Structures are given as C-alpha cells and as structure tokens.
All heavy atoms as atom14 arrays in JSON, in Angstrom:
{
  "sequence": "LKWTGIPTSIGIAKTKTLSKVANHIAKKK",
  "atom14_mask": [
    [1, 1, 1, 1, 1, 1, 1, 1, 0, 0, 0, 0, 0, 0],
    [1, 1, 1, 1, 1, 1, 1, 1, 1, 0, 0, 0, 0, 0],
    [1, 1, 1, 1, 1, 1, 1, 1, 1, 1, 1, 1, 1, 1],
    [1, 1, 1, 1, 1, 1, 1, 0, 0, 0, 0, 0, 0, 0],
    [1, 1, 1, 1, 0, 0, 0, 0, 0, 0, 0, 0, 0, 0],
    [1, 1, 1, 1, 1, 1, 1, 1, 0, 0, 0, 0, 0, 0],
    [1, 1, 1, 1, 1, 1, 1, 0, 0, 0, 0, 0, 0, 0],
    [1, 1, 1, 1, 1, 1, 1, 0, 0, 0, 0, 0, 0, 0],
    [1, 1, 1, 1, 1, 1, 0, 0, 0, 0, 0, 0, 0, 0],
    [1, 1, 1, 1, 1, 1, 1, 1, 0, 0, 0, 0, 0, 0],
    [1, 1, 1, 1, 0, 0, 0, 0, 0, 0, 0, 0, 0, 0],
    [1, 1, 1, 1, 1, 1, 1, 1, 0, 0, 0, 0, 0, 0],
    [1, 1, 1, 1, 1, 0, 0, 0, 0, 0, 0, 0, 0, 0],
    [1, 1, 1, 1, 1, 1, 1, 1, 1, 0, 0, 0, 0, 0],
    [1, 1, 1, 1, 1, 1, 1, 0, 0, 0, 0, 0, 0, 0],
    [1, 1, 1, 1, 1, 1, 1, 1, 1, 0, 0, 0, 0, 0],
    [1, 1, 1, 1, 1, 1, 1, 0, 0, 0, 0, 0, 0, 0],
    [1, 1, 1, 1, 1, 1, 1, 1, 0, 0, 0, 0, 0, 0],
    [1, 1, 1, 1, 1, 1, 0, 0, 0, 0, 0, 0, 0, 0],
    [1, 1, 1, 1, 1, 1, 1, 1, 1, 0, 0, 0, 0, 0],
    [1, 1, 1, 1, 1, 1, 1, 0, 0, 0, 0, 0, 0, 0],
    [1, 1, 1, 1, 1, 0, 0, 0, 0, 0, 0, 0, 0, 0],
    [1, 1, 1, 1, 1, 1, 1, 1, 0, 0, 0, 0, 0, 0],
    [1, 1, 1, 1, 1, 1, 1, 1, 1, 1, 0, 0, 0, 0],
    [1, 1, 1, 1, 1, 1, 1, 1, 0, 0, 0, 0, 0, 0],
    [1, 1, 1, 1, 1, 0, 0, 0, 0, 0, 0, 0, 0, 0],
    [1, 1, 1, 1, 1, 1, 1, 1, 1, 0, 0, 0, 0, 0],
    [1, 1, 1, 1, 1, 1, 1, 1, 1, 0, 0, 0, 0, 0],
    [1, 1, 1, 1, 1, 1, 1, 1, 1, 0, 0, 0, 0, 0]
  ],
  "atom14_positions": [
    [[0.8, -11.9, -4.01], [1.63, -12.8, -3.25], [1.57, -14.26, -3.7], [2.53, -14.92, -3.88], [1.19, -12.74, -1.72], [2.02, -13.62, -0.76], [3.5, -13.14, -0.73], [1.49, -13.59, 0.66], [0.0, 0.0, 0.0], [0.0, 0.0, 0.0], [0.0, 0.0, 0.0], [0.0, 0.0, 0.0], [0.0, 0.0, 0.0], [0.0, 0.0, 0.0]],
    [[0.35, -14.67, -4.08], [0.18, -16.0, -4.63], [0.75, -16.24, -5.94], [1.32, -17.29, -6.2], [-1.29, -16.31, -4.64], [-1.68, -17.76, -4.98], [-3.1, -18.06, -4.98], [-3.42, -19.42, -5.35], [-4.98, -19.65, -5.31], [0.0, 0.0, 0.0], [0.0, 0.0, 0.0], [0.0, 0.0, 0.0], [0.0, 0.0, 0.0], [0.0, 0.0, 0.0]],
    [[0.68, -15.2, -6.81], [1.09, -15.44, -8.17], [2.56, -15.15, -8.44], [3.23, -15.63, -9.37], [0.32, -14.63, -9.12], [-1.11, -15.06, -9.31], [-1.72, -16.05, -8.62], [-2.14, -14.61, -10.21], [-3.02, -16.21, -8.99], [-3.26, -15.39, -10.01], [-2.05, -13.67, -11.31], [-4.48, -15.09, -10.79], [-3.27, -13.55, -12.04], [-4.42, -14.2, -11.8]],
    [[3.17, -14.14, -7.63], [4.53, -13.78, -7.74], [5.38, -14.1, -6.61], [6.64, -14.1, -6.72], [4.67, -12.36, -8.05], [4.3, -11.51, -6.9], [3.65, -11.81, -9.17], [0.0, 0.0, 0.0], [0.0, 0.0, 0.0], [0.0, 0.0, 0.0], [0.0, 0.0, 0.0], [0.0, 0.0, 0.0], [0.0, 0.0, 0.0], [0.0, 0.0, 0.0]],
    [[4.81, -14.35, -5.42], [5.67, -14.52, -4.31], [6.16, -13.31, -3.49], [6.97, -13.35, -2.52], [0.0, 0.0, 0.0], [0.0, 0.0, 0.0], [0.0, 0.0, 0.0], [0.0, 0.0, 0.0], [0.0, 0.0, 0.0], [0.0, 0.0, 0.0], [0.0, 0.0, 0.0], [0.0, 0.0, 0.0], [0.0, 0.0, 0.0], [0.0, 0.0, 0.0]],
    [[5.74, -12.09, -4.02], [6.19, -10.83, -3.53], [5.15, -10.23, -2.54], [3.97, -10.02, -3.01], [6.51, -9.85, -4.67], [7.6, -10.49, -5.53], [6.88, -8.59, -4.07], [8.93, -10.69, -4.89], [0.0, 0.0, 0.0], [0.0, 0.0, 0.0], [0.0, 0.0, 0.0], [0.0, 0.0, 0.0], [0.0, 0.0, 0.0], [0.0, 0.0, 0.0]],
    [[5.51, -10.01, -1.27], [4.65, -9.28, -0.44], [4.48, -7.78, -0.69], [5.45, -7.16, -1.08], [5.3, -9.47, 0.99], [6.62, -9.63, 0.76], [6.75, -10.29, -0.64], [0.0, 0.0, 0.0], [0.0, 0.0, 0.0], [0.0, 0.0, 0.0], [0.0, 0.0, 0.0], [0.0, 0.0, 0.0], [0.0, 0.0, 0.0], [0.0, 0.0, 0.0]],
    [[3.34, -7.21, -0.47], [3.14, -5.79, -0.81], [2.4, -5.12, 0.36], [1.74, -5.65, 1.22], [2.25, -5.67, -2.11], [1.0, -6.31, -1.9], [2.93, -6.25, -3.32], [0.0, 0.0, 0.0], [0.0, 0.0, 0.0], [0.0, 0.0, 0.0], [0.0, 0.0, 0.0], [0.0, 0.0, 0.0], [0.0, 0.0, 0.0], [0.0, 0.0, 0.0]],
    [[2.48, -3.77, 0.25], [1.7, -2.9, 1.16], [0.85, -1.95, 0.19], [1.31, -1.59, -0.94], [2.52, -1.99, 1.96], [3.33, -2.72, 2.82], [0.0, 0.0, 0.0], [0.0, 0.0, 0.0], [0.0, 0.0, 0.0], [0.0, 0.0, 0.0], [0.0, 0.0, 0.0], [0.0, 0.0, 0.0], [0.0, 0.0, 0.0], [0.0, 0.0, 0.0]],
    [[-0.41, -1.78, 0.55], [-1.46, -1.1, -0.3], [-2.08, 0.01, 0.34], [-2.68, -0.23, 1.54], [-2.41, -2.04, -0.85], [-1.78, -3.23, -1.67], [-3.55, -1.37, -1.77], [-2.66, -4.23, -2.28], [0.0, 0.0, 0.0], [0.0, 0.0, 0.0], [0.0, 0.0, 0.0], [0.0, 0.0, 0.0], [0.0, 0.0, 0.0], [0.0, 0.0, 0.0]],
    [[-2.0, 1.21, -0.11], [-2.66, 2.3, 0.42], [-3.72, 2.87, -0.54], [-3.51, 2.92, -1.78], [0.0, 0.0, 0.0], [0.0, 0.0, 0.0], [0.0, 0.0, 0.0], [0.0, 0.0, 0.0], [0.0, 0.0, 0.0], [0.0, 0.0, 0.0], [0.0, 0.0, 0.0], [0.0, 0.0, 0.0], [0.0, 0.0, 0.0], [0.0, 0.0, 0.0]],
    [[-4.95, 3.13, -0.11], [-6.13, 3.53, -0.93], [-6.65, 4.81, -0.55], [-6.99, 5.0, 0.62], [-7.24, 2.45, -0.97], [-6.58, 0.98, -1.38], [-8.26, 2.79, -2.01], [-7.6, -0.09, -1.17], [0.0, 0.0, 0.0], [0.0, 0.0, 0.0], [0.0, 0.0, 0.0], [0.0, 0.0, 0.0], [0.0, 0.0, 0.0], [0.0, 0.0, 0.0]],
    [[-6.78, 5.86, -1.41], [-7.35, 7.15, -1.13], [-7.9, 7.77, -2.34], [-7.84, 7.27, -3.47], [-6.28, 7.98, -0.37], [0.0, 0.0, 0.0], [0.0, 0.0, 0.0], [0.0, 0.0, 0.0], [0.0, 0.0, 0.0], [0.0, 0.0, 0.0], [0.0, 0.0, 0.0], [0.0, 0.0, 0.0], [0.0, 0.0, 0.0], [0.0, 0.0, 0.0]],
    [[-8.4, 8.98, -2.16], [-8.98, 9.82, -3.26], [-7.85, 10.39, -4.18], [-8.16, 10.71, -5.27], [-9.81, 10.9, -2.74], [-11.18, 10.4, -1.96], [-11.91, 11.55, -1.51], [-13.18, 11.22, -0.84], [-14.02, 12.32, -0.37], [0.0, 0.0, 0.0], [0.0, 0.0, 0.0], [0.0, 0.0, 0.0], [0.0, 0.0, 0.0], [0.0, 0.0, 0.0]],
    [[-6.71, 10.71, -3.64], [-5.62, 11.31, -4.52], [-4.35, 10.41, -4.35], [-4.21, 9.6, -3.47], [-5.34, 12.75, -3.95], [-4.65, 12.64, -2.65], [-6.63, 13.53, -3.84], [0.0, 0.0, 0.0], [0.0, 0.0, 0.0], [0.0, 0.0, 0.0], [0.0, 0.0, 0.0], [0.0, 0.0, 0.0], [0.0, 0.0, 0.0], [0.0, 0.0, 0.0]],
    [[-3.35, 10.76, -5.27], [-2.13, 10.0, -5.33], [-1.32, 10.27, -4.02], [-0.68, 9.33, -3.42], [-1.34, 10.36, -6.57], [-1.98, 9.8, -7.86], [-1.29, 10.33, -9.05], [0.03, 9.69, -9.3], [0.68, 10.1, -10.54], [0.0, 0.0, 0.0], [0.0, 0.0, 0.0], [0.0, 0.0, 0.0], [0.0, 0.0, 0.0], [0.0, 0.0, 0.0]],
    [[-1.34, 11.54, -3.67], [-0.54, 11.94, -2.47], [-1.12, 11.31, -1.19], [-0.37, 10.76, -0.37], [-0.64, 13.48, -2.26], [-0.05, 14.13, -3.41], [0.2, 13.83, -1.0], [0.0, 0.0, 0.0], [0.0, 0.0, 0.0], [0.0, 0.0, 0.0], [0.0, 0.0, 0.0], [0.0, 0.0, 0.0], [0.0, 0.0, 0.0], [0.0, 0.0, 0.0]],
    [[-2.47, 11.24, -1.07], [-3.14, 10.59, 0.14], [-2.85, 9.06, 0.02], [-2.75, 8.4, 1.17], [-4.56, 10.86, 0.11], [-4.96, 12.28, 0.8], [-6.47, 12.5, 0.72], [-4.49, 12.39, 2.23], [0.0, 0.0, 0.0], [0.0, 0.0, 0.0], [0.0, 0.0, 0.0], [0.0, 0.0, 0.0], [0.0, 0.0, 0.0], [0.0, 0.0, 0.0]],
    [[-2.88, 8.44, -1.13], [-2.62, 7.0, -1.3], [-1.15, 6.69, -0.8], [-0.85, 5.66, -0.25], [-2.83, 6.55, -2.79], [-2.02, 6.98, -3.6], [0.0, 0.0, 0.0], [0.0, 0.0, 0.0], [0.0, 0.0, 0.0], [0.0, 0.0, 0.0], [0.0, 0.0, 0.0], [0.0, 0.0, 0.0], [0.0, 0.0, 0.0], [0.0, 0.0, 0.0]],
    [[-0.22, 7.59, -1.03], [1.09, 7.48, -0.6], [1.16, 7.48, 0.94], [1.85, 6.67, 1.59], [1.98, 8.66, -1.08], [2.68, 8.29, -2.42], [3.89, 7.57, -2.31], [4.8, 7.5, -3.56], [5.97, 6.71, -3.38], [0.0, 0.0, 0.0], [0.0, 0.0, 0.0], [0.0, 0.0, 0.0], [0.0, 0.0, 0.0], [0.0, 0.0, 0.0]],
    [[0.36, 8.35, 1.53], [0.18, 8.53, 2.98], [-0.27, 7.13, 3.53], [0.25, 6.52, 4.58], [-0.7, 9.7, 3.39], [-0.97, 9.55, 4.96], [0.04, 11.02, 3.13], [0.0, 0.0, 0.0], [0.0, 0.0, 0.0], [0.0, 0.0, 0.0], [0.0, 0.0, 0.0], [0.0, 0.0, 0.0], [0.0, 0.0, 0.0], [0.0, 0.0, 0.0]],
    [[-1.41, 6.74, 2.9], [-2.03, 5.4, 3.31], [-1.07, 4.34, 3.17], [-1.02, 3.42, 4.18], [-3.21, 5.14, 2.42], [0.0, 0.0, 0.0], [0.0, 0.0, 0.0], [0.0, 0.0, 0.0], [0.0, 0.0, 0.0], [0.0, 0.0, 0.0], [0.0, 0.0, 0.0], [0.0, 0.0, 0.0], [0.0, 0.0, 0.0], [0.0, 0.0, 0.0]],
    [[-0.29, 4.22, 2.13], [0.77, 3.18, 2.04], [1.83, 3.25, 3.12], [2.3, 2.22, 3.55], [1.34, 3.22, 0.6], [2.22, 2.07, 0.25], [3.37, 2.02, 0.61], [1.6, 1.14, -0.48], [0.0, 0.0, 0.0], [0.0, 0.0, 0.0], [0.0, 0.0, 0.0], [0.0, 0.0, 0.0], [0.0, 0.0, 0.0], [0.0, 0.0, 0.0]],
    [[2.16, 4.49, 3.37], [3.23, 4.7, 4.42], [2.69, 4.05, 5.79], [3.51, 3.35, 6.5], [3.52, 6.24, 4.64], [4.42, 6.53, 5.8], [5.8, 6.27, 5.6], [4.31, 7.03, 6.89], [6.44, 6.68, 6.69], [5.52, 7.15, 7.49], [0.0, 0.0, 0.0], [0.0, 0.0, 0.0], [0.0, 0.0, 0.0], [0.0, 0.0, 0.0]],
    [[1.39, 4.17, 6.03], [0.82, 3.6, 7.22], [0.79, 2.09, 7.13], [0.94, 1.33, 8.04], [-0.49, 4.34, 7.58], [-0.43, 5.76, 7.66], [-1.25, 3.59, 8.81], [-1.68, 6.54, 7.68], [0.0, 0.0, 0.0], [0.0, 0.0, 0.0], [0.0, 0.0, 0.0], [0.0, 0.0, 0.0], [0.0, 0.0, 0.0], [0.0, 0.0, 0.0]],
    [[0.32, 1.61, 5.85], [0.07, 0.21, 5.67], [1.41, -0.62, 5.94], [1.31, -1.7, 6.28], [-0.37, 0.06, 4.29], [0.0, 0.0, 0.0], [0.0, 0.0, 0.0], [0.0, 0.0, 0.0], [0.0, 0.0, 0.0], [0.0, 0.0, 0.0], [0.0, 0.0, 0.0], [0.0, 0.0, 0.0], [0.0, 0.0, 0.0], [0.0, 0.0, 0.0]],
    [[2.54, 0.0, 5.61], [3.79, -0.79, 5.81], [4.05, -1.21, 7.31], [4.7, -2.15, 7.59], [4.97, 0.1, 5.35], [5.06, 0.23, 3.83], [6.34, 0.92, 3.44], [6.45, 0.97, 1.88], [6.58, -0.32, 1.26], [0.0, 0.0, 0.0], [0.0, 0.0, 0.0], [0.0, 0.0, 0.0], [0.0, 0.0, 0.0], [0.0, 0.0, 0.0]],
    [[3.34, -0.49, 8.17], [3.57, -0.68, 9.66], [2.47, -1.61, 10.17], [2.4, -1.94, 11.36], [3.63, 0.6, 10.45], [4.81, 1.6, 9.93], [4.77, 2.82, 10.56], [5.73, 3.8, 10.04], [5.73, 5.17, 10.66], [0.0, 0.0, 0.0], [0.0, 0.0, 0.0], [0.0, 0.0, 0.0], [0.0, 0.0, 0.0], [0.0, 0.0, 0.0]],
    [[1.45, -1.91, 9.4], [0.35, -2.81, 9.87], [0.53, -4.25, 9.27], [0.92, -4.46, 8.13], [-0.98, -2.17, 9.34], [-1.36, -0.87, 10.02], [-2.75, -0.44, 9.72], [-3.14, 0.81, 10.45], [-3.36, 0.46, 11.91], [0.0, 0.0, 0.0], [0.0, 0.0, 0.0], [0.0, 0.0, 0.0], [0.0, 0.0, 0.0], [0.0, 0.0, 0.0]]
  ]
}
C-alpha cells in the first residue's frame, strides 16, 4: 500500500487452495 498505493487482501495457508479460501475471507475483513 505504501509503495504502490494499491490495497490488497492476503490469505495464508498450507496449500494454494486453502490460501484462496483464506483470501476469500480476508476480502470481507
């Protein structure tokens, strides 16, 4: 955000599919 001005959502998990799930939730938080 500081370097580019772009807001992001970040999901972290053990697998790519679970990180997608985490990111899906992060967008609402």
